[in-house]
Amino acid sequence: MYILSNRKSVIGLIIGCLVLSICVVFSVTLGAAKIPLDTIYQSFLSFDASREHLIIHTVRLPRSLLAILVGGSIFCHLLDQGITIAF
């Protein structure tokens, strides 16, 4: 029984990580200035201070990372509230 539960947890974790990574990619690519995926990829490999690279590094990537941190914080708070049953 424990092995099946552990397997479901691992599968859920993998699916959650995949969904999160897809959401981060969409968050970085979508915006007022349309930036293709290859430009985002090049901004990490060879930063050249162009307009698109600056948008990615100063606006979109920090926004996505902050959203992940805030979401994780809310999730941990909900777990804490559920464990201690303090509503």
N, C-alpha and C. Protein backbone atom coordinates (compact mmCIF):
# COMPACT_ATOMS: atom_id res chain seq x y z
N MET A 1 0.82 -1.19 0.00
CA MET A 1 0.00 0.00 0.00
C MET A 1 0.87 1.26 0.00
N TYR A 2 1.95 1.24 0.79
CA TYR A 2 2.83 2.41 0.87
C TYR A 2 3.53 2.64 -0.46
N ILE A 3 3.91 1.56 -1.16
CA ILE A 3 4.60 1.71 -2.43
C ILE A 3 3.70 2.37 -3.45
N LEU A 4 2.44 2.00 -3.49
CA LEU A 4 1.49 2.60 -4.42
C LEU A 4 1.29 4.07 -4.10
N SER A 5 1.19 4.40 -2.83
CA SER A 5 1.03 5.79 -2.41
C SER A 5 2.27 6.60 -2.77
N ASN A 6 3.45 6.02 -2.56
CA ASN A 6 4.69 6.69 -2.88
C ASN A 6 4.81 6.91 -4.39
N ARG A 7 4.40 5.94 -5.18
CA ARG A 7 4.45 6.06 -6.64
C ARG A 7 3.52 7.17 -7.12
N LYS A 8 2.33 7.25 -6.52
CA LYS A 8 1.40 8.32 -6.90
C LYS A 8 1.98 9.69 -6.55
N SER A 9 2.66 9.77 -5.43
CA SER A 9 3.27 11.04 -5.03
C SER A 9 4.36 11.46 -6.00
N VAL A 10 5.18 10.51 -6.42
CA VAL A 10 6.26 10.82 -7.36
C VAL A 10 5.68 11.24 -8.71
N ILE A 11 4.66 10.54 -9.17
CA ILE A 11 4.04 10.90 -10.45
C ILE A 11 3.40 12.29 -10.35
N GLY A 12 2.74 12.56 -9.24
CA GLY A 12 2.15 13.89 -9.04
C GLY A 12 3.19 14.98 -9.01
N LEU A 13 4.33 14.70 -8.37
CA LEU A 13 5.42 15.68 -8.31
C LEU A 13 5.99 15.95 -9.69
N ILE A 14 6.17 14.90 -10.48
CA ILE A 14 6.70 15.06 -11.84
C ILE A 14 5.73 15.86 -12.70
N ILE A 15 4.46 15.53 -12.63
CA ILE A 15 3.46 16.26 -13.41
C ILE A 15 3.40 17.72 -12.97
N GLY A 16 3.46 17.97 -11.67
CA GLY A 16 3.45 19.34 -11.16
C GLY A 16 4.65 20.14 -11.64
N CYS A 17 5.82 19.52 -11.65
CA CYS A 17 7.02 20.21 -12.14
C CYS A 17 6.93 20.50 -13.63
N LEU A 18 6.37 19.58 -14.40
CA LEU A 18 6.19 19.82 -15.84
C LEU A 18 5.22 20.97 -16.10
N VAL A 19 4.11 20.98 -15.38
CA VAL A 19 3.14 22.06 -15.54
C VAL A 19 3.76 23.39 -15.13
N LEU A 20 4.51 23.41 -14.04
CA LEU A 20 5.17 24.64 -13.59
C LEU A 20 6.17 25.14 -14.63
N SER A 21 6.96 24.24 -15.20
CA SER A 21 7.94 24.67 -16.20
C SER A 21 7.26 25.18 -17.46
N ILE A 22 6.16 24.58 -17.87
CA ILE A 22 5.42 25.08 -19.03
C ILE A 22 4.85 26.46 -18.74
N CYS A 23 4.32 26.67 -17.54
CA CYS A 23 3.79 27.98 -17.16
C CYS A 23 4.89 29.04 -17.12
N VAL A 24 6.08 28.67 -16.66
CA VAL A 24 7.19 29.63 -16.63
C VAL A 24 7.60 30.01 -18.05
N VAL A 25 7.65 29.04 -18.94
CA VAL A 25 8.00 29.34 -20.34
C VAL A 25 6.97 30.29 -20.94
N PHE A 26 5.69 30.03 -20.71
CA PHE A 26 4.66 30.93 -21.24
C PHE A 26 4.75 32.30 -20.59
N SER A 27 5.06 32.36 -19.32
CA SER A 27 5.17 33.63 -18.62
C SER A 27 6.31 34.48 -19.18
N VAL A 28 7.40 33.83 -19.54
CA VAL A 28 8.55 34.57 -20.07
C VAL A 28 8.33 34.96 -21.53
N THR A 29 7.63 34.14 -22.30
CA THR A 29 7.46 34.44 -23.72
C THR A 29 6.33 35.41 -23.99
N LEU A 30 5.26 35.36 -23.21
CA LEU A 30 4.10 36.20 -23.50
C LEU A 30 4.23 37.55 -22.82
N GLY A 31 3.78 38.58 -23.52
CA GLY A 31 3.81 39.93 -22.98
C GLY A 31 3.51 40.93 -24.08
N ALA A 32 3.65 42.21 -23.77
CA ALA A 32 3.37 43.25 -24.75
C ALA A 32 4.34 43.18 -25.92
N ALA A 33 5.61 42.91 -25.61
CA ALA A 33 6.61 42.72 -26.67
C ALA A 33 6.72 41.22 -26.94
N LYS A 34 6.46 40.82 -28.15
CA LYS A 34 6.50 39.40 -28.49
C LYS A 34 7.96 38.98 -28.70
N ILE A 35 8.39 38.05 -27.88
CA ILE A 35 9.77 37.57 -27.94
C ILE A 35 9.72 36.07 -28.19
N PRO A 36 10.31 35.61 -29.29
CA PRO A 36 10.27 34.17 -29.59
C PRO A 36 11.16 33.36 -28.65
N LEU A 37 10.92 32.05 -28.63
CA LEU A 37 11.66 31.16 -27.75
C LEU A 37 13.16 31.14 -28.04
N ASP A 38 13.54 31.23 -29.31
CA ASP A 38 14.97 31.19 -29.62
C ASP A 38 15.70 32.42 -29.08
N THR A 39 15.03 33.57 -29.04
CA THR A 39 15.65 34.76 -28.46
C THR A 39 15.83 34.61 -26.96
N ILE A 40 14.86 33.99 -26.31
CA ILE A 40 14.97 33.74 -24.87
C ILE A 40 16.14 32.79 -24.60
N TYR A 41 16.23 31.76 -25.41
CA TYR A 41 17.32 30.80 -25.27
C TYR A 41 18.67 31.50 -25.48
N GLN A 42 18.77 32.34 -26.48
CA GLN A 42 20.02 33.05 -26.75
C GLN A 42 20.35 34.07 -25.66
N SER A 43 19.33 34.61 -24.99
CA SER A 43 19.61 35.59 -23.93
C SER A 43 20.32 34.94 -22.74
N PHE A 44 20.11 33.63 -22.55
CA PHE A 44 20.81 32.95 -21.47
C PHE A 44 22.20 32.49 -21.90
N LEU A 45 22.37 32.18 -23.16
CA LEU A 45 23.66 31.69 -23.63
C LEU A 45 24.63 32.82 -23.94
N SER A 46 24.14 33.85 -24.61
CA SER A 46 25.03 34.96 -24.98
C SER A 46 24.26 36.27 -24.85
N PHE A 47 24.33 36.87 -23.68
CA PHE A 47 23.64 38.13 -23.41
C PHE A 47 24.33 39.26 -24.15
N ASP A 48 23.56 40.01 -24.95
CA ASP A 48 24.17 41.10 -25.72
C ASP A 48 23.54 42.47 -25.43
N ALA A 49 22.75 42.60 -24.37
CA ALA A 49 22.15 43.86 -23.92
C ALA A 49 21.21 44.46 -24.95
N SER A 50 20.62 43.63 -25.80
CA SER A 50 19.62 44.14 -26.73
C SER A 50 18.31 44.37 -25.97
N ARG A 51 17.37 45.00 -26.62
CA ARG A 51 16.09 45.32 -25.99
C ARG A 51 15.40 44.07 -25.47
N GLU A 52 15.35 43.03 -26.30
CA GLU A 52 14.66 41.79 -25.91
C GLU A 52 15.36 41.10 -24.73
N HIS A 53 16.67 41.09 -24.77
CA HIS A 53 17.42 40.44 -23.70
C HIS A 53 17.24 41.19 -22.38
N LEU A 54 17.20 42.51 -22.44
CA LEU A 54 16.98 43.29 -21.23
C LEU A 54 15.58 43.07 -20.67
N ILE A 55 14.58 42.97 -21.55
CA ILE A 55 13.22 42.71 -21.10
C ILE A 55 13.15 41.37 -20.39
N ILE A 56 13.81 40.37 -20.95
CA ILE A 56 13.78 39.03 -20.36
C ILE A 56 14.46 39.04 -18.99
N HIS A 57 15.64 39.63 -18.89
CA HIS A 57 16.43 39.55 -17.66
C HIS A 57 15.97 40.52 -16.57
N THR A 58 15.35 41.64 -16.93
CA THR A 58 14.98 42.62 -15.91
C THR A 58 13.50 42.61 -15.56
N VAL A 59 12.64 42.09 -16.44
CA VAL A 59 11.20 42.14 -16.18
C VAL A 59 10.58 40.75 -16.09
N ARG A 60 10.71 39.99 -17.15
CA ARG A 60 9.93 38.75 -17.24
C ARG A 60 10.45 37.62 -16.36
N LEU A 61 11.74 37.40 -16.35
CA LEU A 61 12.28 36.31 -15.52
C LEU A 61 12.12 36.60 -14.02
N PRO A 62 12.43 37.82 -13.53
CA PRO A 62 12.18 38.08 -12.11
C PRO A 62 10.70 37.96 -11.74
N ARG A 63 9.81 38.37 -12.64
CA ARG A 63 8.37 38.25 -12.38
C ARG A 63 7.98 36.78 -12.23
N SER A 64 8.49 35.94 -13.09
CA SER A 64 8.17 34.51 -13.03
C SER A 64 8.73 33.86 -11.77
N LEU A 65 9.97 34.20 -11.43
CA LEU A 65 10.58 33.63 -10.22
C LEU A 65 9.86 34.09 -8.96
N LEU A 66 9.44 35.34 -8.93
CA LEU A 66 8.70 35.85 -7.78
C LEU A 66 7.34 35.16 -7.67
N ALA A 67 6.69 34.91 -8.80
CA ALA A 67 5.41 34.21 -8.78
C ALA A 67 5.57 32.79 -8.23
N ILE A 68 6.66 32.12 -8.59
CA ILE A 68 6.92 30.77 -8.06
C ILE A 68 7.13 30.83 -6.55
N LEU A 69 7.90 31.81 -6.07
CA LEU A 69 8.14 31.94 -4.63
C LEU A 69 6.86 32.24 -3.86
N VAL A 70 6.04 33.14 -4.38
CA VAL A 70 4.79 33.49 -3.70
C VAL A 70 3.83 32.31 -3.71
N GLY A 71 3.73 31.61 -4.83
CA GLY A 71 2.87 30.43 -4.89
C GLY A 71 3.32 29.35 -3.94
N GLY A 72 4.62 29.13 -3.85
CA GLY A 72 5.15 28.15 -2.91
C GLY A 72 4.89 28.55 -1.47
N SER A 73 4.99 29.83 -1.19
CA SER A 73 4.73 30.31 0.16
C SER A 73 3.26 30.12 0.54
N ILE A 74 2.36 30.41 -0.38
CA ILE A 74 0.94 30.20 -0.12
C ILE A 74 0.64 28.72 0.08
N PHE A 75 1.24 27.88 -0.74
CA PHE A 75 1.04 26.43 -0.61
C PHE A 75 1.53 25.93 0.75
N CYS A 76 2.70 26.39 1.18
CA CYS A 76 3.23 25.98 2.49
C CYS A 76 2.33 26.47 3.62
N HIS A 77 1.80 27.66 3.48
CA HIS A 77 0.89 28.19 4.50
C HIS A 77 -0.37 27.34 4.57
N LEU A 78 -0.91 26.95 3.42
CA LEU A 78 -2.10 26.10 3.42
C LEU A 78 -1.82 24.75 4.04
N LEU A 79 -0.65 24.18 3.76
CA LEU A 79 -0.29 22.91 4.41
C LEU A 79 -0.19 23.07 5.91
N ASP A 80 0.42 24.16 6.35
CA ASP A 80 0.55 24.41 7.78
C ASP A 80 -0.82 24.56 8.43
N GLN A 81 -1.71 25.28 7.80
CA GLN A 81 -3.05 25.46 8.35
C GLN A 81 -3.80 24.13 8.38
N GLY A 82 -3.60 23.29 7.37
CA GLY A 82 -4.27 22.01 7.34
C GLY A 82 -3.74 21.04 8.39
N ILE A 83 -2.45 21.10 8.64
CA ILE A 83 -1.85 20.19 9.63
C ILE A 83 -2.27 20.60 11.05
N THR A 84 -2.24 21.89 11.34
CA THR A 84 -2.55 22.33 12.69
C THR A 84 -4.04 22.57 12.89
N ILE A 85 -4.82 22.48 11.84
CA ILE A 85 -6.26 22.72 11.86
C ILE A 85 -6.57 24.06 12.54
N ALA A 86 -5.86 25.07 12.12
CA ALA A 86 -6.07 26.41 12.64
C ALA A 86 -6.63 27.29 11.53
N PHE A 87 -7.92 27.37 11.49
CA PHE A 87 -8.57 28.20 10.47
C PHE A 87 -8.84 29.52 11.05
